[in-house]
C-alpha atoms as a PDB file:
ATOM      1  CA  UNK A   1      35.113 156.138 112.556  1.00  0.00           C
ATOM      2  CA  UNK A   2      35.448 157.734 116.089  1.00  0.00           C
ATOM      3  CA  UNK A   3      37.519 154.936 117.363  1.00  0.00           C
ATOM      4  CA  UNK A   4      39.778 155.397 114.173  1.00  0.00           C
ATOM      5  CA  UNK A   5      40.641 158.883 114.794  1.00  0.00           C
ATOM      6  CA  UNK A   6      41.353 158.315 118.538  1.00  0.00           C
ATOM      7  CA  UNK A   7      43.863 155.646 117.385  1.00  0.00           C
ATOM      8  CA  UNK A   8      45.781 158.310 115.023  1.00  0.00           C
ATOM      9  CA  UNK A   9      45.439 160.887 117.506  1.00  0.00           C
ATOM     10  CA  UNK A  10      47.145 158.736 120.478  1.00  0.00           C
ATOM     11  CA  UNK A  11      50.354 159.687 118.354  1.00  0.00           C
ATOM     12  CA  UNK A  12      49.930 163.170 117.553  1.00  0.00           C
ATOM     13  CA  UNK A  13      53.146 164.375 118.965  1.00  0.00           C
ATOM     14  CA  UNK A  14      55.214 161.305 117.125  1.00  0.00           C
ATOM     15  CA  UNK A  15      57.129 163.919 115.031  1.00  0.00           C
ATOM     16  CA  UNK A  16      58.204 166.536 117.508  1.00  0.00           C
ATOM     17  CA  UNK A  17      61.696 164.796 118.008  1.00  0.00           C
ATOM     18  CA  UNK A  18      64.044 165.284 114.960  1.00  0.00           C
ATOM     19  CA  UNK A  19      66.648 162.416 115.233  1.00  0.00           C
ATOM     20  CA  UNK A  20      68.620 163.788 112.798  1.00  0.00           C
ATOM     21  CA  UNK A  21      69.815 166.454 115.316  1.00  0.00           C
ATOM     22  CA  UNK A  22      70.823 164.353 118.046  1.00  0.00           C
ATOM     23  CA  UNK A  23      73.298 162.149 116.602  1.00  0.00           C
ATOM     24  CA  UNK A  24      77.160 162.021 117.177  1.00  0.00           C
ATOM     25  CA  UNK A  25      78.877 163.616 114.453  1.00  0.00           C
ATOM     26  CA  UNK A  26      81.152 161.118 112.500  1.00  0.00           C
ATOM     27  CA  UNK A  27      84.818 161.674 112.693  1.00  0.00           C
ATOM     28  CA  UNK A  28      86.425 163.112 109.408  1.00  0.00           C
ATOM     29  CA  UNK A  29      83.497 164.536 108.108  1.00  0.00           C
ATOM     30  CA  UNK A  30      83.353 168.310 107.553  1.00  0.00           C
ATOM     31  CA  UNK A  31      81.946 170.393 110.568  1.00  0.00           C
ATOM     32  CA  UNK A  32      79.449 173.401 110.116  1.00  0.00           C
ATOM     33  CA  UNK A  33      82.327 175.850 110.525  1.00  0.00           C
ATOM     34  CA  UNK A  34      84.376 174.171 107.529  1.00  0.00           C
ATOM     35  CA  UNK A  35      87.108 172.257 109.948  1.00  0.00           C
ATOM     36  CA  UNK A  36      88.017 168.610 109.892  1.00  0.00           C
ATOM     37  CA  UNK A  37      89.130 165.918 112.805  1.00  0.00           C
ATOM     38  CA  UNK A  38      90.471 163.142 109.931  1.00  0.00           C
ATOM     39  CA  UNK A  39      90.287 159.690 110.978  1.00  0.00           C
ATOM     40  CA  UNK A  40      93.542 157.556 111.188  1.00  0.00           C
ATOM     41  CA  UNK A  41      93.987 154.578 108.812  1.00  0.00           C
ATOM     42  CA  UNK A  42      94.359 153.435 105.325  1.00  0.00           C
ATOM     43  CA  UNK A  43      91.170 154.451 103.039  1.00  0.00           C
ATOM     44  CA  UNK A  44      88.840 151.729 103.051  1.00  0.00           C
ATOM     45  CA  UNK A  45      88.940 149.341 100.371  1.00  0.00           C
ATOM     46  CA  UNK A  46      85.193 149.780  99.399  1.00  0.00           C
ATOM     47  CA  UNK A  47      85.318 153.502  99.004  1.00  0.00           C
ATOM     48  CA  UNK A  48      86.861 155.819  96.054  1.00  0.00           C
ATOM     49  CA  UNK A  49      88.980 158.439  97.347  1.00  0.00           C
ATOM     50  CA  UNK A  50      91.773 161.036  96.328  1.00  0.00           C
ATOM     51  CA  UNK A  51      94.695 162.801  98.388  1.00  0.00           C
ATOM     52  CA  UNK A  52      95.513 166.135  98.944  1.00  0.00           C
ATOM     53  CA  UNK A  53      98.166 167.163  96.086  1.00  0.00           C
ATOM     54  CA  UNK A  54     100.846 168.654  98.545  1.00  0.00           C
ATOM     55  CA  UNK A  55      99.729 167.797 102.407  1.00  0.00           C
ATOM     56  CA  UNK A  56     102.049 165.124 103.580  1.00  0.00           C
ATOM     57  CA  UNK A  57     104.234 165.052 106.652  1.00  0.00           C
ATOM     58  CA  UNK A  58     106.871 161.883 107.756  1.00  0.00           C
ATOM     59  CA  UNK A  59     105.655 160.863 111.408  1.00  0.00           C
ATOM     60  CA  UNK A  60     106.756 158.344 113.744  1.00  0.00           C
ATOM     61  CA  UNK A  61     103.550 155.904 113.723  1.00  0.00           C
ATOM     62  CA  UNK A  62     103.044 152.937 115.837  1.00  0.00           C
ATOM     63  CA  UNK A  63     100.420 150.088 115.977  1.00  0.00           C
ATOM     64  CA  UNK A  64      99.466 148.907 119.415  1.00  0.00           C
ATOM     65  CA  UNK A  65      96.921 147.909 121.788  1.00  0.00           C
ATOM     66  CA  UNK A  66      96.640 147.140 125.751  1.00  0.00           C
ATOM     67  CA  UNK A  67      96.586 143.997 127.043  1.00  0.00           C
ATOM     68  CA  UNK A  68      96.394 140.523 125.170  1.00  0.00           C
ATOM     69  CA  UNK A  69      92.827 141.186 124.523  1.00  0.00           C
ATOM     70  CA  UNK A  70      93.251 145.064 123.469  1.00  0.00           C
ATOM     71  CA  UNK A  71      91.971 146.090 120.314  1.00  0.00           C
ATOM     72  CA  UNK A  72      94.968 147.405 118.185  1.00  0.00           C
ATOM     73  CA  UNK A  73      94.893 151.106 117.172  1.00  0.00           C
ATOM     74  CA  UNK A  74      97.114 153.357 115.344  1.00  0.00           C
ATOM     75  CA  UNK A  75      99.049 155.799 117.343  1.00  0.00           C
ATOM     76  CA  UNK A  76     101.675 159.086 116.584  1.00  0.00           C
ATOM     77  CA  UNK A  77     104.996 158.445 118.783  1.00  0.00           C
ATOM     78  CA  UNK A  78     106.195 161.508 120.236  1.00  0.00           C
ATOM     79  CA  UNK A  79     108.194 161.473 123.180  1.00  0.00           C
ATOM     80  CA  UNK A  80     108.143 164.521 125.774  1.00  0.00           C
ATOM     81  CA  UNK A  81     112.016 164.395 124.799  1.00  0.00           C
ATOM     82  CA  UNK A  82     114.474 162.788 122.725  1.00  0.00           C
ATOM     83  CA  UNK A  83     115.306 160.108 125.101  1.00  0.00           C
ATOM     84  CA  UNK A  84     111.708 159.223 126.130  1.00  0.00           C
ATOM     85  CA  UNK A  85     110.770 159.229 122.669  1.00  0.00           C
ATOM     86  CA  UNK A  86     113.710 156.679 121.871  1.00  0.00           C
ATOM     87  CA  UNK A  87     112.698 154.623 124.773  1.00  0.00           C
ATOM     88  CA  UNK A  88     109.240 154.394 123.396  1.00  0.00           C
ATOM     89  CA  UNK A  89     110.243 153.547 119.933  1.00  0.00           C
ATOM     90  CA  UNK A  90     112.642 150.514 121.154  1.00  0.00           C
ATOM     91  CA  UNK A  91     110.032 148.903 123.376  1.00  0.00           C
ATOM     92  CA  UNK A  92     106.649 148.912 121.134  1.00  0.00           C
ATOM     93  CA  UNK A  93     106.180 146.020 119.031  1.00  0.00           C
ATOM     94  CA  UNK A  94     105.348 147.881 115.654  1.00  0.00           C
ATOM     95  CA  UNK A  95     106.417 151.330 115.263  1.00  0.00           C
ATOM     96  CA  UNK A  96     107.749 152.674 111.777  1.00  0.00           C
ATOM     97  CA  UNK A  97     108.409 156.024 110.117  1.00  0.00           C
ATOM     98  CA  UNK A  98     105.597 156.708 107.831  1.00  0.00           C
ATOM     99  CA  UNK A  99     104.640 159.097 105.082  1.00  0.00           C
ATOM    100  CA  UNK A 100     101.085 160.618 106.170  1.00  0.00           C
ATOM    101  CA  UNK A 101      99.027 162.084 103.760  1.00  0.00           C
ATOM    102  CA  UNK A 102      95.395 163.564 103.751  1.00  0.00           C
ATOM    103  CA  UNK A 103      92.695 161.463 101.890  1.00  0.00           C
ATOM    104  CA  UNK A 104      89.204 162.562 101.088  1.00  0.00           C
ATOM    105  CA  UNK A 105      86.535 160.159  99.760  1.00  0.00           C
ATOM    106  CA  UNK A 106      83.055 160.622  97.620  1.00  0.00           C
ATOM    107  CA  UNK A 107      81.107 161.137 100.656  1.00  0.00           C
ATOM    108  CA  UNK A 108      83.644 163.906 102.148  1.00  0.00           C
ATOM    109  CA  UNK A 109      85.044 161.482 104.612  1.00  0.00           C
ATOM    110  CA  UNK A 110      88.700 162.524 105.470  1.00  0.00           C
ATOM    111  CA  UNK A 111      91.452 160.279 106.957  1.00  0.00           C
ATOM    112  CA  UNK A 112      94.992 160.580 107.846  1.00  0.00           C
ATOM    113  CA  UNK A 113      96.801 157.793 105.879  1.00  0.00           C
ATOM    114  CA  UNK A 114     100.014 156.657 107.192  1.00  0.00           C
ATOM    115  CA  UNK A 115     102.036 154.869 104.583  1.00  0.00           C
ATOM    116  CA  UNK A 116     105.011 152.570 105.861  1.00  0.00           C
ATOM    117  CA  UNK A 117     108.465 153.936 104.686  1.00  0.00           C
ATOM    118  CA  UNK A 118     110.841 151.479 103.660  1.00  0.00           C
ATOM    119  CA  UNK A 119     114.287 151.377 105.383  1.00  0.00           C
ATOM    120  CA  UNK A 120     117.382 149.355 104.461  1.00  0.00           C
ATOM    121  CA  UNK A 121     116.569 146.775 106.917  1.00  0.00           C
ATOM    122  CA  UNK A 122     112.975 146.452 105.579  1.00  0.00           C
ATOM    123  CA  UNK A 123     112.028 146.595 102.395  1.00  0.00           C
ATOM    124  CA  UNK A 124     108.895 145.435 100.818  1.00  0.00           C
ATOM    125  CA  UNK A 125     106.792 145.935  97.916  1.00  0.00           C
ATOM    126  CA  UNK A 126     103.796 147.175  99.727  1.00  0.00           C
ATOM    127  CA  UNK A 127     105.668 150.303 100.727  1.00  0.00           C
ATOM    128  CA  UNK A 128     106.523 151.197  97.090  1.00  0.00           C
ATOM    129  CA  UNK A 129     103.034 150.344  95.889  1.00  0.00           C
ATOM    130  CA  UNK A 130     101.350 152.313  98.576  1.00  0.00           C
ATOM    131  CA  UNK A 131     103.280 155.266  97.574  1.00  0.00           C
ATOM    132  CA  UNK A 132     102.493 155.049  93.883  1.00  0.00           C
ATOM    133  CA  UNK A 133      99.112 154.587  94.676  1.00  0.00           C
ATOM    134  CA  UNK A 134      98.785 157.980  96.561  1.00  0.00           C
ATOM    135  CA  UNK A 135     100.531 159.539  93.804  1.00  0.00           C
ATOM    136  CA  UNK A 136      97.835 158.206  91.727  1.00  0.00           C
ATOM    137  CA  UNK A 137      95.120 159.529  93.961  1.00  0.00           C
ATOM    138  CA  UNK A 138      96.374 163.089  93.740  1.00  0.00           C
ATOM    139  CA  UNK A 139      95.350 163.159  90.239  1.00  0.00           C
ATOM    140  CA  UNK A 140      91.992 161.452  90.042  1.00  0.00           C
ATOM    141  CA  UNK A 141      89.676 159.375  92.743  1.00  0.00           C
ATOM    142  CA  UNK A 142      90.882 155.495  92.808  1.00  0.00           C
ATOM    143  CA  UNK A 143      89.855 152.209  94.559  1.00  0.00           C
ATOM    144  CA  UNK A 144      92.619 150.591  96.657  1.00  0.00           C
ATOM    145  CA  UNK A 145      93.033 147.061  97.738  1.00  0.00           C
ATOM    146  CA  UNK A 146      95.638 144.568  98.686  1.00  0.00           C
ATOM    147  CA  UNK A 147      97.009 142.121  96.200  1.00  0.00           C
ATOM    148  CA  UNK A 148      99.315 139.943  98.241  1.00  0.00           C
ATOM    149  CA  UNK A 149     102.776 140.128  99.450  1.00  0.00           C
ATOM    150  CA  UNK A 150     104.167 139.312  95.715  1.00  0.00           C
ATOM    151  CA  UNK A 151     101.962 142.568  94.159  1.00  0.00           C
ATOM    152  CA  UNK A 152     101.493 144.970  97.063  1.00  0.00           C
ATOM    153  CA  UNK A 153      98.842 147.428  96.538  1.00  0.00           C
ATOM    154  CA  UNK A 154      96.556 147.602  93.495  1.00  0.00           C
ATOM    155  CA  UNK A 155      94.172 150.252  92.494  1.00  0.00           C
ATOM    156  CA  UNK A 156      91.763 151.112  89.848  1.00  0.00           C
ATOM    157  CA  UNK A 157      90.302 154.126  88.483  1.00  0.00           C
ATOM    158  CA  UNK A 158      86.306 154.931  87.872  1.00  0.00           C
ATOM    159  CA  UNK A 159      85.049 154.321  84.331  1.00  0.00           C
ATOM    160  CA  UNK A 160      82.917 157.482  84.702  1.00  0.00           C
ATOM    161  CA  UNK A 161      85.199 160.040  84.846  1.00  0.00           C
ATOM    162  CA  UNK A 162      83.037 162.753  84.183  1.00  0.00           C
ATOM    163  CA  UNK A 163      80.421 161.566  86.919  1.00  0.00           C
ATOM    164  CA  UNK A 164      83.481 161.620  89.473  1.00  0.00           C
ATOM    165  CA  UNK A 165      84.843 164.773  88.620  1.00  0.00           C
ATOM    166  CA  UNK A 166      81.781 166.440  90.205  1.00  0.00           C
ATOM    167  CA  UNK A 167      82.766 164.925  93.334  1.00  0.00           C
ATOM    168  CA  UNK A 168      86.467 166.287  93.418  1.00  0.00           C
ATOM    169  CA  UNK A 169      86.817 167.365  97.228  1.00  0.00           C
ATOM    170  CA  UNK A 170      86.865 170.896  98.181  1.00  0.00           C
ATOM    171  CA  UNK A 171      89.801 171.277 100.688  1.00  0.00           C
ATOM    172  CA  UNK A 172      89.359 173.345 103.365  1.00  0.00           C
ATOM    173  CA  UNK A 173      91.398 176.509 102.852  1.00  0.00           C
ATOM    174  CA  UNK A 174      91.005 178.414 106.171  1.00  0.00           C
ATOM    175  CA  UNK A 175      92.580 175.428 108.293  1.00  0.00           C
ATOM    176  CA  UNK A 176      96.136 174.274 108.166  1.00  0.00           C
ATOM    177  CA  UNK A 177      97.593 170.952 107.767  1.00  0.00           C
ATOM    178  CA  UNK A 178      99.331 171.238 111.261  1.00  0.00           C
ATOM    179  CA  UNK A 179      95.665 171.762 112.535  1.00  0.00           C
ATOM    180  CA  UNK A 180      94.568 168.524 110.662  1.00  0.00           C
ATOM    181  CA  UNK A 181      97.321 166.616 111.843  1.00  0.00           C
ATOM    182  CA  UNK A 182      96.743 167.749 115.336  1.00  0.00           C
ATOM    183  CA  UNK A 183      93.056 167.025 115.551  1.00  0.00           C
ATOM    184  CA  UNK A 184      93.266 163.602 113.964  1.00  0.00           C
ATOM    185  CA  UNK A 185      96.199 162.540 116.558  1.00  0.00           C
ATOM    186  CA  UNK A 186      95.304 164.514 119.599  1.00  0.00           C
ATOM    187  CA  UNK A 187      93.673 161.255 121.145  1.00  0.00           C
ATOM    188  CA  UNK A 188      95.804 158.923 119.847  1.00  0.00           C
ATOM    189  CA  UNK A 189      99.418 160.081 121.139  1.00  0.00           C
ATOM    190  CA  UNK A 190     102.195 158.027 122.966  1.00  0.00           C
ATOM    191  CA  UNK A 191     104.304 160.675 124.699  1.00  0.00           C
ATOM    192  CA  UNK A 192     105.593 159.473 127.871  1.00  0.00           C
ATOM    193  CA  UNK A 193     106.610 156.269 129.921  1.00  0.00           C
ATOM    194  CA  UNK A 194     103.090 155.876 131.711  1.00  0.00           C
ATOM    195  CA  UNK A 195     100.950 155.461 128.166  1.00  0.00           C
ATOM    196  CA  UNK A 196      99.232 151.813 128.862  1.00  0.00           C
ATOM    197  CA  UNK A 197     100.267 150.961 125.089  1.00  0.00           C
ATOM    198  CA  UNK A 198     104.001 151.445 126.398  1.00  0.00           C
ATOM    199  CA  UNK A 199     103.034 149.860 129.646  1.00  0.00           C
ATOM    200  CA  UNK A 200     101.727 146.753 127.922  1.00  0.00           C
ATOM    201  CA  UNK A 201     104.644 146.482 125.521  1.00  0.00           C
ATOM    202  CA  UNK A 202     107.214 146.099 128.217  1.00  0.00           C
ATOM    203  CA  UNK A 203     105.068 143.710 130.288  1.00  0.00           C
ATOM    204  CA  UNK A 204     103.730 145.840 133.183  1.00  0.00           C
ATOM    205  CA  UNK A 205     100.074 145.405 131.779  1.00  0.00           C
ATOM    206  CA  UNK A 206      98.671 141.965 130.976  1.00  0.00           C
END
């Protein structure tokens, strides 16, 4: 009996460390002061989300990586002046104007969703259907997926609307849309001709 008690007592302090107090905050989640730093990208096809009814901004967006084996990321292109901006836009392989909106999932994860805008030279059903899906998500939760080049984006609404009504986003009131954009993109901006993504695009980085 004594041996068993000794075995238990060896771990008497095992509960002192509270691991939940030492986790790295997940991007896109509301902080304790009610401010968010949204992640960037299309909402995950496995999640239900809504879009803010009014927050949207047209921005120059790029998909880029550093070197042949680099991980592709989404960037805001905003040159320090118009000449530099134009050089960056012309050099990058994938650069386009996008309609950027704020989304929020049922778990409270916020995302900046850039939707590529059609141009006279580049029209695609994906651009139109993404915009239609966004408008639907301003009114109700949707789940979004890509149905292929002939169909574009498809979405569905939840069957139990009453259940999802309780999950509608509580959009931050004191944080401005400009601040959300700034927090989301400040670590993902291409502003000058020394940025690694630009240097990779023009062949100065392998």
